[in-house]
Amino acid sequence: MDFIIYIYVFIIGIVCGSFFSLAIYRIPKGQDIIHTRSYCPNCKHKLSFWDMIPLFSYIGLKGKCRYCKRKISPTYFLLELLSGIIFVLFALSIRFGLDNMNTSVIVYLIFGLLYIAGLFIISGIDINKKQIQHQVLVYLLIIETIYIIYLYVVEKASIYRYAIYFVILVILNLFNIIYYKKRVKNNYTLELLILLIEMVIFTYELCTVYTIILALLCIAMKLLIEIILQKRRKYVKKDKVAEARIPFGFYLGVSNIIVLILTNMLIFYR
């Protein structure tokens, strides 16, 4: 029976992965992600239901648009597959199943997956556009606020630590609105700091520290590989300078998902 449950979780994951692809593409462009139907990014033709079945549509169409026959980026397929796998891993990490299906675990599963969804979108946008979208940070804040209210009202948990971080978030957001928005369109450093505090709120301080360490290790490995590859080349194209900015949000988002799943395993399986 647990196997069937995880199949459902996987299906939910790949469906969400399809939505992540849409959100990552549209949010930076300021386009609607809820009411406007999906369309081919090449020919702009609106897609039918059969064109949007996660994983299977890509395989059935052999990676090409049904209408313009242009090749579809495999990123969409990989993101859907990865989302399904991550959703299942998160459910496994908290031992979600018939023997451990109580209110606390179900609520944590729901809000944990909603939290991971926000990190997916932030990471995807950051690696493509080198920016952290404030709208997604607001989404994460709303999810965390609702979860904390649940913890306080239902599970009678203390919210003093949460209150401190929320005050810091309010100050940073006011600072961002009042001061920085008048001078710069997107303050990456401030948005990154807000993201870190939201990570602390949901995954606690130690997990966030491990997240930062893992992210820095991944960045160091990436830079080391780039240095080795550049030494084999005679020059670096000037148009690559714009791509030199490190997407810290991407590395933090991916690292936080990994650390969260591993931490859950240590807690729920001990």
Protein backbone atom coordinates (compact mmCIF):
# COMPACT_ATOMS: atom_id res chain seq x y z
CA MET A 1 0.00 0.00 0.00
CA ASP A 2 2.89 2.38 0.79
CA PHE A 3 4.20 1.77 -2.72
CA ILE A 4 0.92 3.07 -4.18
CA ILE A 5 1.13 6.13 -1.92
CA TYR A 6 4.60 6.94 -3.25
CA ILE A 7 3.39 6.51 -6.82
CA TYR A 8 0.77 9.18 -6.09
CA VAL A 9 3.47 11.40 -4.54
CA PHE A 10 5.62 10.91 -7.66
CA ILE A 11 2.70 11.84 -9.93
CA ILE A 12 2.07 14.97 -7.87
CA GLY A 13 5.78 15.75 -8.16
CA ILE A 14 5.96 15.51 -11.95
CA VAL A 15 2.77 17.55 -12.32
CA CYS A 16 4.29 20.22 -10.07
CA GLY A 17 7.50 19.96 -12.10
CA SER A 18 5.52 20.89 -15.20
CA PHE A 19 4.20 23.94 -13.36
CA PHE A 20 7.73 24.82 -12.18
CA SER A 21 8.88 24.93 -15.79
CA LEU A 22 6.05 27.31 -16.62
CA ALA A 23 6.72 29.52 -13.59
CA ILE A 24 10.47 29.67 -14.22
CA TYR A 25 9.84 30.79 -17.81
CA ARG A 26 7.02 33.28 -17.16
CA ILE A 27 7.69 34.94 -13.80
CA PRO A 28 10.82 36.85 -14.94
CA LYS A 29 8.82 38.05 -17.96
CA GLY A 30 5.99 39.28 -15.75
CA GLN A 31 3.51 36.91 -17.39
CA ASP A 32 0.50 35.26 -15.77
CA ILE A 33 1.19 31.75 -14.45
CA ILE A 34 -2.33 30.73 -13.45
CA HIS A 35 -4.96 31.80 -15.98
CA THR A 36 -3.05 31.86 -19.30
CA ARG A 37 -2.82 28.51 -21.05
CA SER A 38 0.55 26.94 -21.74
CA TYR A 39 2.06 27.53 -25.17
CA CYS A 40 5.08 26.52 -27.20
CA PRO A 41 7.93 29.00 -26.54
CA ASN A 42 8.94 28.76 -30.21
CA CYS A 43 5.71 29.05 -32.25
CA LYS A 44 3.48 30.40 -29.40
CA HIS A 45 0.77 27.85 -30.28
CA LYS A 46 -1.44 27.03 -27.29
CA LEU A 47 -0.93 23.48 -26.10
CA SER A 48 -3.69 20.90 -25.73
CA PHE A 49 -4.14 18.57 -22.77
CA TRP A 50 -2.27 15.78 -24.57
CA ASP A 51 0.71 18.07 -25.10
CA MET A 52 1.08 18.75 -21.38
CA ILE A 53 1.08 15.31 -19.75
CA PRO A 54 4.27 15.35 -17.63
CA LEU A 55 7.08 13.13 -18.94
CA PHE A 56 4.84 11.12 -21.29
CA SER A 57 4.06 13.99 -23.69
CA TYR A 58 7.78 14.70 -24.13
CA ILE A 59 8.49 11.02 -24.80
CA GLY A 60 5.46 10.61 -27.09
CA LEU A 61 6.36 13.69 -29.13
CA LYS A 62 10.03 12.62 -29.23
CA GLY A 63 11.09 15.92 -27.75
CA LYS A 64 9.50 18.05 -30.47
CA CYS A 65 6.59 20.48 -30.62
CA ARG A 66 3.52 18.92 -32.21
CA TYR A 67 2.83 22.11 -34.20
CA CYS A 68 6.12 23.66 -35.31
CA LYS A 69 8.24 20.50 -35.02
CA ARG A 70 10.97 22.49 -33.27
CA LYS A 71 13.01 20.62 -30.69
CA ILE A 72 11.86 21.06 -27.08
CA SER A 73 14.59 21.59 -24.50
CA PRO A 74 15.18 18.41 -22.44
CA THR A 75 15.28 20.70 -19.40
CA TYR A 76 11.48 20.47 -19.16
CA PHE A 77 11.58 16.67 -19.05
CA LEU A 78 14.46 16.59 -16.56
CA LEU A 79 12.81 19.13 -14.25
CA GLU A 80 9.57 17.12 -14.18
CA LEU A 81 11.45 13.90 -13.48
CA LEU A 82 13.63 15.52 -10.82
CA SER A 83 10.58 17.05 -9.13
CA GLY A 84 8.90 13.65 -8.91
CA ILE A 85 12.05 12.08 -7.45
CA ILE A 86 12.55 14.89 -4.90
CA PHE A 87 8.91 14.71 -3.78
CA VAL A 88 9.25 10.97 -3.22
CA LEU A 89 12.57 11.37 -1.39
CA PHE A 90 11.04 13.99 0.90
CA ALA A 91 8.09 11.69 1.68
CA LEU A 92 10.50 8.83 2.34
CA SER A 93 12.67 11.03 4.56
CA ILE A 94 9.76 11.52 6.99
CA ARG A 95 8.67 7.86 6.77
CA PHE A 96 5.36 8.85 5.25
CA GLY A 97 3.13 5.79 5.02
CA LEU A 98 0.18 3.98 6.54
CA ASP A 99 2.09 3.21 9.75
CA ASN A 100 3.16 6.84 10.20
CA MET A 101 0.22 8.79 8.79
CA ASN A 102 -0.86 11.19 11.53
CA THR A 103 -1.90 14.84 11.35
CA SER A 104 1.55 16.24 12.17
CA VAL A 105 3.31 14.19 9.51
CA ILE A 106 0.67 14.93 6.85
CA VAL A 107 0.80 18.68 7.56
CA TYR A 108 4.62 18.66 7.54
CA LEU A 109 4.59 16.76 4.23
CA ILE A 110 2.25 19.30 2.64
CA PHE A 111 4.11 22.38 3.82
CA GLY A 112 7.49 20.76 3.18
CA LEU A 113 6.58 20.10 -0.44
CA LEU A 114 5.17 23.62 -0.81
CA TYR A 115 8.44 24.96 0.60
CA ILE A 116 10.49 22.81 -1.79
CA ALA A 117 8.32 24.05 -4.67
CA GLY A 118 9.35 27.63 -3.86
CA LEU A 119 13.02 26.62 -3.79
CA PHE A 120 12.64 24.87 -7.15
CA ILE A 121 11.28 28.02 -8.77
CA ILE A 122 13.84 30.31 -7.13
CA SER A 123 16.70 28.02 -8.19
CA GLY A 124 15.42 27.68 -11.76
CA ILE A 125 15.00 31.41 -12.26
CA ASP A 126 18.34 32.21 -10.66
CA ILE A 127 20.37 29.83 -12.79
CA ASN A 128 18.74 31.21 -15.95
CA LYS A 129 18.40 34.92 -15.17
CA LYS A 130 20.83 35.43 -12.27
CA GLN A 131 18.12 37.00 -10.14
CA ILE A 132 15.93 36.09 -7.20
CA GLN A 133 12.28 36.93 -7.75
CA HIS A 134 10.75 38.80 -4.81
CA GLN A 135 7.29 37.36 -5.59
CA VAL A 136 8.56 33.84 -4.89
CA LEU A 137 10.14 34.99 -1.62
CA VAL A 138 6.75 36.41 -0.63
CA TYR A 139 5.18 33.05 -1.50
CA LEU A 140 7.65 31.26 0.79
CA LEU A 141 6.94 33.75 3.56
CA ILE A 142 3.18 33.12 3.28
CA ILE A 143 3.70 29.34 3.38
CA GLU A 144 5.92 29.61 6.45
CA THR A 145 3.51 31.97 8.20
CA ILE A 146 0.58 29.59 7.75
CA TYR A 147 2.69 26.66 8.96
CA ILE A 148 3.86 28.55 12.05
CA ILE A 149 0.26 29.50 12.88
CA TYR A 150 -0.61 25.81 12.67
CA LEU A 151 2.30 24.89 14.97
CA TYR A 152 1.24 27.51 17.49
CA VAL A 153 -2.52 26.85 17.45
CA VAL A 154 -2.64 23.07 17.00
CA GLU A 155 0.67 21.75 18.33
CA LYS A 156 1.17 24.48 20.95
CA ALA A 157 4.72 25.13 19.77
CA SER A 158 6.72 28.16 20.90
CA ILE A 159 6.97 30.86 18.25
CA TYR A 160 9.47 33.19 19.91
CA ARG A 161 12.32 32.31 17.55
CA TYR A 162 9.99 32.70 14.59
CA ALA A 163 8.89 36.13 15.80
CA ILE A 164 12.49 37.35 15.89
CA TYR A 165 13.16 36.26 12.32
CA PHE A 166 9.88 37.67 11.09
CA VAL A 167 10.79 41.08 12.57
CA ILE A 168 14.13 40.89 10.71
CA LEU A 169 12.29 39.99 7.49
CA VAL A 170 9.90 42.91 7.87
CA ILE A 171 12.82 45.31 8.39
CA LEU A 172 14.70 43.95 5.35
CA ASN A 173 11.61 44.11 3.15
CA LEU A 174 10.83 47.67 4.23
CA PHE A 175 14.46 48.59 3.58
CA ASN A 176 14.21 46.97 0.17
CA ILE A 177 10.96 48.79 -0.73
CA ILE A 178 11.83 52.20 0.67
CA TYR A 179 15.52 52.47 -0.13
CA TYR A 180 16.73 50.04 -2.77
CA LYS A 181 13.73 49.97 -5.13
CA LYS A 182 14.33 53.67 -5.82
CA ARG A 183 17.93 53.00 -6.86
CA VAL A 184 18.18 49.50 -8.28
CA LYS A 185 15.64 47.26 -9.99
CA ASN A 186 16.82 44.08 -8.31
CA ASN A 187 19.10 44.03 -5.26
CA TYR A 188 20.49 40.52 -5.47
CA THR A 189 22.38 40.61 -2.17
CA LEU A 190 19.37 41.73 -0.15
CA GLU A 191 17.07 39.19 -1.80
CA LEU A 192 19.67 36.51 -1.07
CA LEU A 193 19.74 37.53 2.60
CA ILE A 194 15.93 37.35 2.76
CA LEU A 195 16.09 33.86 1.22
CA LEU A 196 18.59 32.72 3.86
CA ILE A 197 16.40 33.97 6.70
CA GLU A 198 13.41 32.16 5.23
CA MET A 199 15.54 29.01 5.13
CA VAL A 200 16.40 29.50 8.79
CA ILE A 201 12.71 29.84 9.67
CA PHE A 202 11.67 26.58 8.00
CA THR A 203 14.78 24.40 8.31
CA TYR A 204 16.34 25.90 11.46
CA GLU A 205 19.79 27.38 12.03
CA LEU A 206 21.98 24.27 11.85
CA CYS A 207 20.43 23.10 8.58
CA THR A 208 20.97 26.55 7.09
CA VAL A 209 24.63 26.49 8.15
CA TYR A 210 25.07 23.09 6.47
CA THR A 211 23.23 24.49 3.44
CA ILE A 212 25.68 27.38 3.14
CA ILE A 213 28.67 25.05 3.55
CA LEU A 214 27.39 22.64 0.89
CA ALA A 215 26.55 25.51 -1.48
CA LEU A 216 30.05 27.00 -1.07
CA LEU A 217 31.64 23.60 -1.69
CA CYS A 218 29.61 23.17 -4.89
CA ILE A 219 30.55 26.67 -6.05
CA ALA A 220 34.23 26.02 -5.29
CA MET A 221 34.13 22.78 -7.31
CA LYS A 222 32.43 24.57 -10.20
CA LEU A 223 35.02 27.36 -10.21
CA LEU A 224 37.86 24.86 -10.00
CA ILE A 225 36.51 22.94 -13.00
CA GLU A 226 36.11 26.22 -14.93
CA ILE A 227 39.70 27.24 -14.16
CA ILE A 228 40.98 23.88 -15.40
CA LEU A 229 38.92 24.15 -18.59
CA GLN A 230 39.96 27.77 -19.23
CA LYS A 231 43.62 26.85 -19.01
CA ARG A 232 43.08 24.58 -22.00
CA ARG A 233 41.67 27.48 -24.01
CA LYS A 234 43.63 30.39 -25.43
CA TYR A 235 41.00 32.99 -24.62
CA VAL A 236 37.58 33.53 -23.10
CA LYS A 237 34.92 35.23 -25.21
CA LYS A 238 33.87 38.66 -24.00
CA ASP A 239 30.19 37.79 -24.26
CA LYS A 240 30.78 35.25 -21.50
CA VAL A 241 31.47 37.99 -18.96
CA ALA A 242 27.73 38.48 -18.31
CA GLU A 243 27.47 34.80 -17.46
CA ALA A 244 30.30 34.96 -14.92
CA ARG A 245 28.00 35.97 -12.08
CA ILE A 246 27.51 33.07 -9.70
CA PRO A 247 23.85 32.11 -9.11
CA PHE A 248 24.12 31.81 -5.33
CA GLY A 249 20.35 31.43 -5.02
CA PHE A 250 20.46 28.31 -7.20
CA TYR A 251 23.19 26.68 -5.14
CA LEU A 252 21.53 27.60 -1.85
CA GLY A 253 18.13 26.31 -3.03
CA VAL A 254 19.48 22.96 -4.24
CA SER A 255 21.71 22.56 -1.17
CA ASN A 256 18.84 23.36 1.19
CA ILE A 257 16.63 20.69 -0.39
CA ILE A 258 19.41 18.10 -0.02
CA VAL A 259 20.18 19.08 3.58
CA LEU A 260 16.48 19.12 4.51
CA ILE A 261 15.94 15.59 3.19
CA LEU A 262 19.08 14.24 4.89
CA THR A 263 18.18 15.94 8.18
CA ASN A 264 14.68 14.46 8.07
CA MET A 265 16.17 11.01 7.59
CA LEU A 266 18.40 11.44 10.64
CA ILE A 267 15.43 12.57 12.73
CA PHE A 268 12.70 10.20 11.56
CA TYR A 269 14.82 7.05 11.20
CA ARG A 270 16.84 7.21 14.41
